[in-house]
Amino acid sequence: MRMGRSRFITMSFLLLVFFIFLKIYQHNRIVTTVYKKQKIERIKGKLKKKKNSLLVTLYKLKGQQRVREKAYELGMRSLKPSQIMTVTRT
């Protein structure tokens, strides 16, 4: 009987040590995952700022005044009614 009791205590102790290490491992995984999540959130915030900056640039480039300026730089001018020629097909 004595042998059975000491074996039970040894097995209980080993099981307790196993669960302690399992809990430490679990805690480590949770902490690692939280750090990864925070890093992803920071990257997400930076990407949102970049997106907003690019959208502002896009809207500036699409603005009517910018189009007029670019057309003027390229030598495009408004037509006068006398410059318009009509071509008819006969």
PDB file of N, CA and C in Angstrom:
ATOM      1  N   MET A   1       0.820  -1.202   0.000  1.00  0.00           N
ATOM      2  CA  MET A   1       0.000   0.000   0.000  1.00  0.00           C
ATOM      3  C   MET A   1       0.860   1.262   0.000  1.00  0.00           C
ATOM      4  N   ARG A   2       1.910   1.201   0.725  1.00  0.00           N
ATOM      5  CA  ARG A   2       2.811   2.355   0.818  1.00  0.00           C
ATOM      6  C   ARG A   2       3.357   2.726  -0.559  1.00  0.00           C
ATOM      7  N   MET A   3       3.682   1.746  -1.370  1.00  0.00           N
ATOM      8  CA  MET A   3       4.224   1.965  -2.703  1.00  0.00           C
ATOM      9  C   MET A   3       3.194   2.664  -3.591  1.00  0.00           C
ATOM     10  N   GLY A   4       1.957   2.307  -3.486  1.00  0.00           N
ATOM     11  CA  GLY A   4       0.906   2.904  -4.305  1.00  0.00           C
ATOM     12  C   GLY A   4       0.690   4.369  -3.961  1.00  0.00           C
ATOM     13  N   ARG A   5       0.778   4.682  -2.669  1.00  0.00           N
ATOM     14  CA  ARG A   5       0.558   6.055  -2.239  1.00  0.00           C
ATOM     15  C   ARG A   5       1.709   6.962  -2.700  1.00  0.00           C
ATOM     16  N   SER A   6       2.933   6.489  -2.593  1.00  0.00           N
ATOM     17  CA  SER A   6       4.070   7.305  -3.007  1.00  0.00           C
ATOM     18  C   SER A   6       4.067   7.492  -4.523  1.00  0.00           C
ATOM     19  N   ARG A   7       3.625   6.483  -5.244  1.00  0.00           N
ATOM     20  CA  ARG A   7       3.522   6.602  -6.695  1.00  0.00           C
ATOM     21  C   ARG A   7       2.449   7.620  -7.076  1.00  0.00           C
ATOM     22  N   PHE A   8       1.350   7.607  -6.331  1.00  0.00           N
ATOM     23  CA  PHE A   8       0.280   8.578  -6.575  1.00  0.00           C
ATOM     24  C   PHE A   8       0.776   9.999  -6.342  1.00  0.00           C
ATOM     25  N   ILE A   9       1.516  10.201  -5.263  1.00  0.00           N
ATOM     26  CA  ILE A   9       2.045  11.531  -4.954  1.00  0.00           C
ATOM     27  C   ILE A   9       3.034  11.969  -6.037  1.00  0.00           C
ATOM     28  N   THR A  10       3.895  11.055  -6.470  1.00  0.00           N
ATOM     29  CA  THR A  10       4.863  11.379  -7.529  1.00  0.00           C
ATOM     30  C   THR A  10       4.137  11.745  -8.816  1.00  0.00           C
ATOM     31  N   MET A  11       3.152  10.960  -9.196  1.00  0.00           N
ATOM     32  CA  MET A  11       2.396  11.243 -10.427  1.00  0.00           C
ATOM     33  C   MET A  11       1.630  12.560 -10.311  1.00  0.00           C
ATOM     34  N   SER A  12       1.077  12.828  -9.133  1.00  0.00           N
ATOM     35  CA  SER A  12       0.357  14.076  -8.913  1.00  0.00           C
ATOM     36  C   SER A  12       1.318  15.261  -9.038  1.00  0.00           C
ATOM     37  N   PHE A  13       2.508  15.130  -8.466  1.00  0.00           N
ATOM     38  CA  PHE A  13       3.509  16.185  -8.534  1.00  0.00           C
ATOM     39  C   PHE A  13       3.923  16.433  -9.994  1.00  0.00           C
ATOM     40  N   LEU A  14       4.176  15.366 -10.733  1.00  0.00           N
ATOM     41  CA  LEU A  14       4.570  15.503 -12.136  1.00  0.00           C
ATOM     42  C   LEU A  14       3.448  16.141 -12.955  1.00  0.00           C
ATOM     43  N   LEU A  15       2.223  15.743 -12.678  1.00  0.00           N
ATOM     44  CA  LEU A  15       1.079  16.320 -13.361  1.00  0.00           C
ATOM     45  C   LEU A  15       0.956  17.815 -13.033  1.00  0.00           C
ATOM     46  N   LEU A  16       1.187  18.169 -11.772  1.00  0.00           N
ATOM     47  CA  LEU A  16       1.142  19.566 -11.350  1.00  0.00           C
ATOM     48  C   LEU A  16       2.223  20.379 -12.075  1.00  0.00           C
ATOM     49  N   VAL A  17       3.444  19.844 -12.143  1.00  0.00           N
ATOM     50  CA  VAL A  17       4.538  20.522 -12.840  1.00  0.00           C
ATOM     51  C   VAL A  17       4.188  20.681 -14.320  1.00  0.00           C
ATOM     52  N   PHE A  18       3.621  19.639 -14.927  1.00  0.00           N
ATOM     53  CA  PHE A  18       3.218  19.708 -16.331  1.00  0.00           C
ATOM     54  C   PHE A  18       2.208  20.830 -16.551  1.00  0.00           C
ATOM     55  N   PHE A  19       1.198  20.921 -15.668  1.00  0.00           N
ATOM     56  CA  PHE A  19       0.184  21.959 -15.826  1.00  0.00           C
ATOM     57  C   PHE A  19       0.755  23.359 -15.585  1.00  0.00           C
ATOM     58  N   ILE A  20       1.722  23.469 -14.683  1.00  0.00           N
ATOM     59  CA  ILE A  20       2.365  24.766 -14.463  1.00  0.00           C
ATOM     60  C   ILE A  20       3.083  25.208 -15.734  1.00  0.00           C
ATOM     61  N   PHE A  21       3.855  24.299 -16.341  1.00  0.00           N
ATOM     62  CA  PHE A  21       4.547  24.642 -17.576  1.00  0.00           C
ATOM     63  C   PHE A  21       3.573  24.916 -18.715  1.00  0.00           C
ATOM     64  N   LEU A  22       2.494  24.176 -18.749  1.00  0.00           N
ATOM     65  CA  LEU A  22       1.474  24.403 -19.759  1.00  0.00           C
ATOM     66  C   LEU A  22       0.866  25.802 -19.602  1.00  0.00           C
ATOM     67  N   LYS A  23       0.610  26.201 -18.360  1.00  0.00           N
ATOM     68  CA  LYS A  23       0.045  27.531 -18.095  1.00  0.00           C
ATOM     69  C   LYS A  23       1.048  28.627 -18.487  1.00  0.00           C
ATOM     70  N   ILE A  24       2.331  28.420 -18.192  1.00  0.00           N
ATOM     71  CA  ILE A  24       3.361  29.388 -18.580  1.00  0.00           C
ATOM     72  C   ILE A  24       3.422  29.499 -20.100  1.00  0.00           C
ATOM     73  N   TYR A  25       3.386  28.371 -20.788  1.00  0.00           N
ATOM     74  CA  TYR A  25       3.406  28.366 -22.254  1.00  0.00           C
ATOM     75  C   TYR A  25       2.197  29.120 -22.803  1.00  0.00           C
ATOM     76  N   GLN A  26       1.039  28.853 -22.228  1.00  0.00           N
ATOM     77  CA  GLN A  26      -0.195  29.518 -22.668  1.00  0.00           C
ATOM     78  C   GLN A  26      -0.080  31.029 -22.467  1.00  0.00           C
ATOM     79  N   HIS A  27       0.425  31.438 -21.331  1.00  0.00           N
ATOM     80  CA  HIS A  27       0.586  32.862 -21.046  1.00  0.00           C
ATOM     81  C   HIS A  27       1.563  33.494 -22.045  1.00  0.00           C
ATOM     82  N   ASN A  28       2.640  32.815 -22.317  1.00  0.00           N
ATOM     83  CA  ASN A  28       3.618  33.303 -23.300  1.00  0.00           C
ATOM     84  C   ASN A  28       2.979  33.494 -24.663  1.00  0.00           C
ATOM     85  N   ARG A  29       2.198  32.539 -25.089  1.00  0.00           N
ATOM     86  CA  ARG A  29       1.521  32.635 -26.386  1.00  0.00           C
ATOM     87  C   ARG A  29       0.556  33.818 -26.419  1.00  0.00           C
ATOM     88  N   ILE A  30      -0.149  34.028 -25.330  1.00  0.00           N
ATOM     89  CA  ILE A  30      -1.093  35.147 -25.266  1.00  0.00           C
ATOM     90  C   ILE A  30      -0.344  36.473 -25.373  1.00  0.00           C
ATOM     91  N   VAL A  31       0.736  36.617 -24.620  1.00  0.00           N
ATOM     92  CA  VAL A  31       1.521  37.859 -24.649  1.00  0.00           C
ATOM     93  C   VAL A  31       2.079  38.093 -26.053  1.00  0.00           C
ATOM     94  N   THR A  32       2.624  37.055 -26.672  1.00  0.00           N
ATOM     95  CA  THR A  32       3.173  37.169 -28.026  1.00  0.00           C
ATOM     96  C   THR A  32       2.090  37.596 -29.009  1.00  0.00           C
ATOM     97  N   THR A  33       0.927  37.000 -28.896  1.00  0.00           N
ATOM     98  CA  THR A  33      -0.182  37.330 -29.793  1.00  0.00           C
ATOM     99  C   THR A  33      -0.636  38.779 -29.595  1.00  0.00           C
ATOM    100  N   VAL A  34      -0.682  39.234 -28.363  1.00  0.00           N
ATOM    101  CA  VAL A  34      -1.078  40.622 -28.086  1.00  0.00           C
ATOM    102  C   VAL A  34      -0.061  41.585 -28.700  1.00  0.00           C
ATOM    103  N   TYR A  35       1.229  41.292 -28.565  1.00  0.00           N
ATOM    104  CA  TYR A  35       2.251  42.150 -29.173  1.00  0.00           C
ATOM    105  C   TYR A  35       2.111  42.181 -30.691  1.00  0.00           C
ATOM    106  N   LYS A  36       1.867  41.034 -31.290  1.00  0.00           N
ATOM    107  CA  LYS A  36       1.681  40.986 -32.743  1.00  0.00           C
ATOM    108  C   LYS A  36       0.469  41.809 -33.150  1.00  0.00           C
ATOM    109  N   LYS A  37      -0.604  41.702 -32.376  1.00  0.00           N
ATOM    110  CA  LYS A  37      -1.819  42.452 -32.678  1.00  0.00           C
ATOM    111  C   LYS A  37      -1.556  43.954 -32.595  1.00  0.00           C
ATOM    112  N   GLN A  38      -0.822  44.378 -31.564  1.00  0.00           N
ATOM    113  CA  GLN A  38      -0.502  45.798 -31.419  1.00  0.00           C
ATOM    114  C   GLN A  38       0.340  46.288 -32.592  1.00  0.00           C
ATOM    115  N   LYS A  39       1.286  45.471 -33.022  1.00  0.00           N
ATOM    116  CA  LYS A  39       2.136  45.840 -34.152  1.00  0.00           C
ATOM    117  C   LYS A  39       1.289  45.994 -35.415  1.00  0.00           C
ATOM    118  N   ILE A  40       0.371  45.060 -35.628  1.00  0.00           N
ATOM    119  CA  ILE A  40      -0.517  45.123 -36.795  1.00  0.00           C
ATOM    120  C   ILE A  40      -1.404  46.363 -36.724  1.00  0.00           C
ATOM    121  N   GLU A  41      -1.885  46.694 -35.528  1.00  0.00           N
ATOM    122  CA  GLU A  41      -2.721  47.893 -35.369  1.00  0.00           C
ATOM    123  C   GLU A  41      -1.929  49.154 -35.696  1.00  0.00           C
ATOM    124  N   ARG A  42      -0.656  49.206 -35.281  1.00  0.00           N
ATOM    125  CA  ARG A  42       0.175  50.369 -35.612  1.00  0.00           C
ATOM    126  C   ARG A  42       0.375  50.478 -37.123  1.00  0.00           C
ATOM    127  N   ILE A  43       0.650  49.342 -37.761  1.00  0.00           N
ATOM    128  CA  ILE A  43       0.829  49.334 -39.216  1.00  0.00           C
ATOM    129  C   ILE A  43      -0.470  49.767 -39.896  1.00  0.00           C
ATOM    130  N   LYS A  44      -1.585  49.279 -39.385  1.00  0.00           N
ATOM    131  CA  LYS A  44      -2.892  49.638 -39.948  1.00  0.00           C
ATOM    132  C   LYS A  44      -3.120  51.143 -39.847  1.00  0.00           C
ATOM    133  N   GLY A  45      -2.770  51.737 -38.714  1.00  0.00           N
ATOM    134  CA  GLY A  45      -2.912  53.180 -38.543  1.00  0.00           C
ATOM    135  C   GLY A  45      -2.046  53.952 -39.521  1.00  0.00           C
ATOM    136  N   LYS A  46      -0.803  53.501 -39.701  1.00  0.00           N
ATOM    137  CA  LYS A  46       0.096  54.164 -40.649  1.00  0.00           C
ATOM    138  C   LYS A  46      -0.453  54.052 -42.068  1.00  0.00           C
ATOM    139  N   LEU A  47      -0.985  52.880 -42.407  1.00  0.00           N
ATOM    140  CA  LEU A  47      -1.541  52.692 -43.749  1.00  0.00           C
ATOM    141  C   LEU A  47      -2.774  53.564 -43.976  1.00  0.00           C
ATOM    142  N   LYS A  48      -3.586  53.739 -42.939  1.00  0.00           N
ATOM    143  CA  LYS A  48      -4.761  54.616 -43.071  1.00  0.00           C
ATOM    144  C   LYS A  48      -4.320  56.053 -43.324  1.00  0.00           C
ATOM    145  N   LYS A  49      -3.276  56.494 -42.603  1.00  0.00           N
ATOM    146  CA  LYS A  49      -2.770  57.856 -42.819  1.00  0.00           C
ATOM    147  C   LYS A  49      -2.233  58.002 -44.228  1.00  0.00           C
ATOM    148  N   LYS A  50      -1.498  57.000 -44.693  1.00  0.00           N
ATOM    149  CA  LYS A  50      -0.947  57.040 -46.047  1.00  0.00           C
ATOM    150  C   LYS A  50      -2.073  57.081 -47.080  1.00  0.00           C
ATOM    151  N   LYS A  51      -3.106  56.265 -46.856  1.00  0.00           N
ATOM    152  CA  LYS A  51      -4.254  56.237 -47.770  1.00  0.00           C
ATOM    153  C   LYS A  51      -4.915  57.611 -47.839  1.00  0.00           C
ATOM    154  N   ASN A  52      -5.126  58.221 -46.672  1.00  0.00           N
ATOM    155  CA  ASN A  52      -5.756  59.540 -46.644  1.00  0.00           C
ATOM    156  C   ASN A  52      -4.895  60.575 -47.366  1.00  0.00           C
ATOM    157  N   SER A  53      -3.591  60.486 -47.158  1.00  0.00           N
ATOM    158  CA  SER A  53      -2.680  61.405 -47.836  1.00  0.00           C
ATOM    159  C   SER A  53      -2.753  61.220 -49.348  1.00  0.00           C
ATOM    160  N   LEU A  54      -2.779  59.975 -49.788  1.00  0.00           N
ATOM    161  CA  LEU A  54      -2.877  59.700 -51.225  1.00  0.00           C
ATOM    162  C   LEU A  54      -4.214  60.158 -51.801  1.00  0.00           C
ATOM    163  N   LEU A  55      -5.279  60.007 -51.030  1.00  0.00           N
ATOM    164  CA  LEU A  55      -6.592  60.475 -51.497  1.00  0.00           C
ATOM    165  C   LEU A  55      -6.611  61.995 -51.647  1.00  0.00           C
ATOM    166  N   VAL A  56      -5.992  62.689 -50.699  1.00  0.00           N
ATOM    167  CA  VAL A  56      -5.923  64.156 -50.796  1.00  0.00           C
ATOM    168  C   VAL A  56      -5.158  64.543 -52.054  1.00  0.00           C
ATOM    169  N   THR A  57      -4.037  63.867 -52.292  1.00  0.00           N
ATOM    170  CA  THR A  57      -3.251  64.138 -53.499  1.00  0.00           C
ATOM    171  C   THR A  57      -4.067  63.853 -54.750  1.00  0.00           C
ATOM    172  N   LEU A  58      -4.789  62.746 -54.754  1.00  0.00           N
ATOM    173  CA  LEU A  58      -5.625  62.387 -55.901  1.00  0.00           C
ATOM    174  C   LEU A  58      -6.674  63.450 -56.165  1.00  0.00           C
ATOM    175  N   TYR A  59      -7.350  63.889 -55.122  1.00  0.00           N
ATOM    176  CA  TYR A  59      -8.397  64.889 -55.318  1.00  0.00           C
ATOM    177  C   TYR A  59      -7.815  66.226 -55.772  1.00  0.00           C
ATOM    178  N   LYS A  60      -6.621  66.544 -55.288  1.00  0.00           N
ATOM    179  CA  LYS A  60      -5.969  67.772 -55.764  1.00  0.00           C
ATOM    180  C   LYS A  60      -5.663  67.659 -57.253  1.00  0.00           C
ATOM    181  N   LEU A  61      -5.167  66.494 -57.663  1.00  0.00           N
ATOM    182  CA  LEU A  61      -4.829  66.304 -59.070  1.00  0.00           C
ATOM    183  C   LEU A  61      -6.065  66.267 -59.955  1.00  0.00           C
ATOM    184  N   LYS A  62      -7.169  65.809 -59.399  1.00  0.00           N
ATOM    185  CA  LYS A  62      -8.403  65.733 -60.184  1.00  0.00           C
ATOM    186  C   LYS A  62      -9.153  67.057 -60.209  1.00  0.00           C
ATOM    187  N   GLY A  63      -8.752  67.975 -59.376  1.00  0.00           N
ATOM    188  CA  GLY A  63      -9.472  69.246 -59.277  1.00  0.00           C
ATOM    189  C   GLY A  63      -9.499  69.972 -60.613  1.00  0.00           C
ATOM    190  N   GLN A  64     -10.567  70.679 -60.850  1.00  0.00           N
ATOM    191  CA  GLN A  64     -10.781  71.364 -62.129  1.00  0.00           C
ATOM    192  C   GLN A  64      -9.679  72.381 -62.402  1.00  0.00           C
ATOM    193  N   GLN A  65      -9.266  73.103 -61.399  1.00  0.00           N
ATOM    194  CA  GLN A  65      -8.223  74.102 -61.592  1.00  0.00           C
ATOM    195  C   GLN A  65      -6.920  73.432 -62.008  1.00  0.00           C
ATOM    196  N   ARG A  66      -6.596  72.290 -61.422  1.00  0.00           N
ATOM    197  CA  ARG A  66      -5.373  71.569 -61.760  1.00  0.00           C
ATOM    198  C   ARG A  66      -5.430  71.085 -63.209  1.00  0.00           C
ATOM    199  N   VAL A  67      -6.590  70.645 -63.629  1.00  0.00           N
ATOM    200  CA  VAL A  67      -6.752  70.201 -65.019  1.00  0.00           C
ATOM    201  C   VAL A  67      -6.516  71.379 -65.965  1.00  0.00           C
ATOM    202  N   ARG A  68      -7.074  72.544 -65.629  1.00  0.00           N
ATOM    203  CA  ARG A  68      -6.872  73.738 -66.463  1.00  0.00           C
ATOM    204  C   ARG A  68      -5.391  74.116 -66.531  1.00  0.00           C
ATOM    205  N   GLU A  69      -4.716  74.070 -65.392  1.00  0.00           N
ATOM    206  CA  GLU A  69      -3.293  74.416 -65.353  1.00  0.00           C
ATOM    207  C   GLU A  69      -2.472  73.452 -66.209  1.00  0.00           C
ATOM    208  N   LYS A  70      -2.762  72.179 -66.079  1.00  0.00           N
ATOM    209  CA  LYS A  70      -2.021  71.175 -66.844  1.00  0.00           C
ATOM    210  C   LYS A  70      -2.275  71.343 -68.342  1.00  0.00           C
ATOM    211  N   ALA A  71      -3.517  71.618 -68.712  1.00  0.00           N
ATOM    212  CA  ALA A  71      -3.855  71.831 -70.127  1.00  0.00           C
ATOM    213  C   ALA A  71      -3.115  73.050 -70.655  1.00  0.00           C
ATOM    214  N   TYR A  72      -3.027  74.097 -69.863  1.00  0.00           N
ATOM    215  CA  TYR A  72      -2.315  75.307 -70.281  1.00  0.00           C
ATOM    216  C   TYR A  72      -0.828  75.008 -70.470  1.00  0.00           C
ATOM    217  N   GLU A  73      -0.244  74.218 -69.540  1.00  0.00           N
ATOM    218  CA  GLU A  73       1.166  73.828 -69.657  1.00  0.00           C
ATOM    219  C   GLU A  73       1.419  73.053 -70.943  1.00  0.00           C
ATOM    220  N   LEU A  74       0.451  72.259 -71.350  1.00  0.00           N
ATOM    221  CA  LEU A  74       0.596  71.446 -72.559  1.00  0.00           C
ATOM    222  C   LEU A  74       0.260  72.223 -73.831  1.00  0.00           C
ATOM    223  N   GLY A  75      -0.077  73.500 -73.685  1.00  0.00           N
ATOM    224  CA  GLY A  75      -0.359  74.333 -74.853  1.00  0.00           C
ATOM    225  C   GLY A  75      -1.788  74.274 -75.333  1.00  0.00           C
ATOM    226  N   MET A  76      -2.654  73.742 -74.572  1.00  0.00           N
ATOM    227  CA  MET A  76      -4.065  73.684 -74.963  1.00  0.00           C
ATOM    228  C   MET A  76      -4.738  74.998 -74.603  1.00  0.00           C
ATOM    229  N   ARG A  77      -5.515  75.506 -75.513  1.00  0.00           N
ATOM    230  CA  ARG A  77      -6.227  76.757 -75.281  1.00  0.00           C
ATOM    231  C   ARG A  77      -7.690  76.563 -75.648  1.00  0.00           C
ATOM    232  N   SER A  78      -8.517  77.421 -75.106  1.00  0.00           N
ATOM    233  CA  SER A  78      -9.938  77.371 -75.442  1.00  0.00           C
ATOM    234  C   SER A  78     -10.123  77.808 -76.889  1.00  0.00           C
ATOM    235  N   LEU A  79     -11.049  77.175 -77.546  1.00  0.00           N
ATOM    236  CA  LEU A  79     -11.341  77.540 -78.936  1.00  0.00           C
ATOM    237  C   LEU A  79     -12.283  78.734 -78.980  1.00  0.00           C
ATOM    238  N   LYS A  80     -12.037  79.579 -79.971  1.00  0.00           N
ATOM    239  CA  LYS A  80     -12.953  80.679 -80.226  1.00  0.00           C
ATOM    240  C   LYS A  80     -13.960  80.172 -81.259  1.00  0.00           C
ATOM    241  N   PRO A  81     -15.153  80.675 -81.241  1.00  0.00           N
ATOM    242  CA  PRO A  81     -16.144  80.199 -82.206  1.00  0.00           C
ATOM    243  C   PRO A  81     -15.657  80.308 -83.648  1.00  0.00           C
ATOM    244  N   SER A  82     -14.821  81.276 -83.966  1.00  0.00           N
ATOM    245  CA  SER A  82     -14.350  81.438 -85.351  1.00  0.00           C
ATOM    246  C   SER A  82     -13.359  80.327 -85.740  1.00  0.00           C
ATOM    247  N   GLN A  83     -12.808  79.646 -84.755  1.00  0.00           N
ATOM    248  CA  GLN A  83     -11.852  78.585 -85.045  1.00  0.00           C
ATOM    249  C   GLN A  83     -12.528  77.240 -85.325  1.00  0.00           C
ATOM    250  N   ILE A  84     -13.802  77.155 -85.048  1.00  0.00           N
ATOM    251  CA  ILE A  84     -14.528  75.896 -85.206  1.00  0.00           C
ATOM    252  C   ILE A  84     -14.948  75.736 -86.648  1.00  0.00           C
ATOM    253  N   MET A  85     -14.581  74.612 -87.232  1.00  0.00           N
ATOM    254  CA  MET A  85     -14.956  74.324 -88.602  1.00  0.00           C
ATOM    255  C   MET A  85     -15.927  73.150 -88.574  1.00  0.00           C
ATOM    256  N   THR A  86     -16.956  73.255 -89.360  1.00  0.00           N
ATOM    257  CA  THR A  86     -17.888  72.156 -89.455  1.00  0.00           C
ATOM    258  C   THR A  86     -17.641  71.424 -90.765  1.00  0.00           C
ATOM    259  N   VAL A  87     -17.659  70.131 -90.671  1.00  0.00           N
ATOM    260  CA  VAL A  87     -17.442  69.322 -91.854  1.00  0.00           C
ATOM    261  C   VAL A  87     -18.735  68.542 -92.100  1.00  0.00           C
ATOM    262  N   THR A  88     -19.209  68.663 -93.317  1.00  0.00           N
ATOM    263  CA  THR A  88     -20.437  67.935 -93.655  1.00  0.00           C
ATOM    264  C   THR A  88     -20.099  66.882 -94.683  1.00  0.00           C
ATOM    265  N   ARG A  89     -20.792  65.853 -94.650  1.00  0.00           N
ATOM    266  CA  ARG A  89     -20.585  64.748 -95.541  1.00  0.00           C
ATOM    267  C   ARG A  89     -21.565  64.821 -96.695  1.00  0.00           C
ATOM    268  N   THR A  90     -21.095  64.708 -97.866  1.00  0.00           N
ATOM    269  CA  THR A  90     -22.015  64.793 -99.016  1.00  0.00           C
ATOM    270  C   THR A  90     -22.065  63.492 -99.774  1.00  0.00           C
TER     271      THR A  90
END
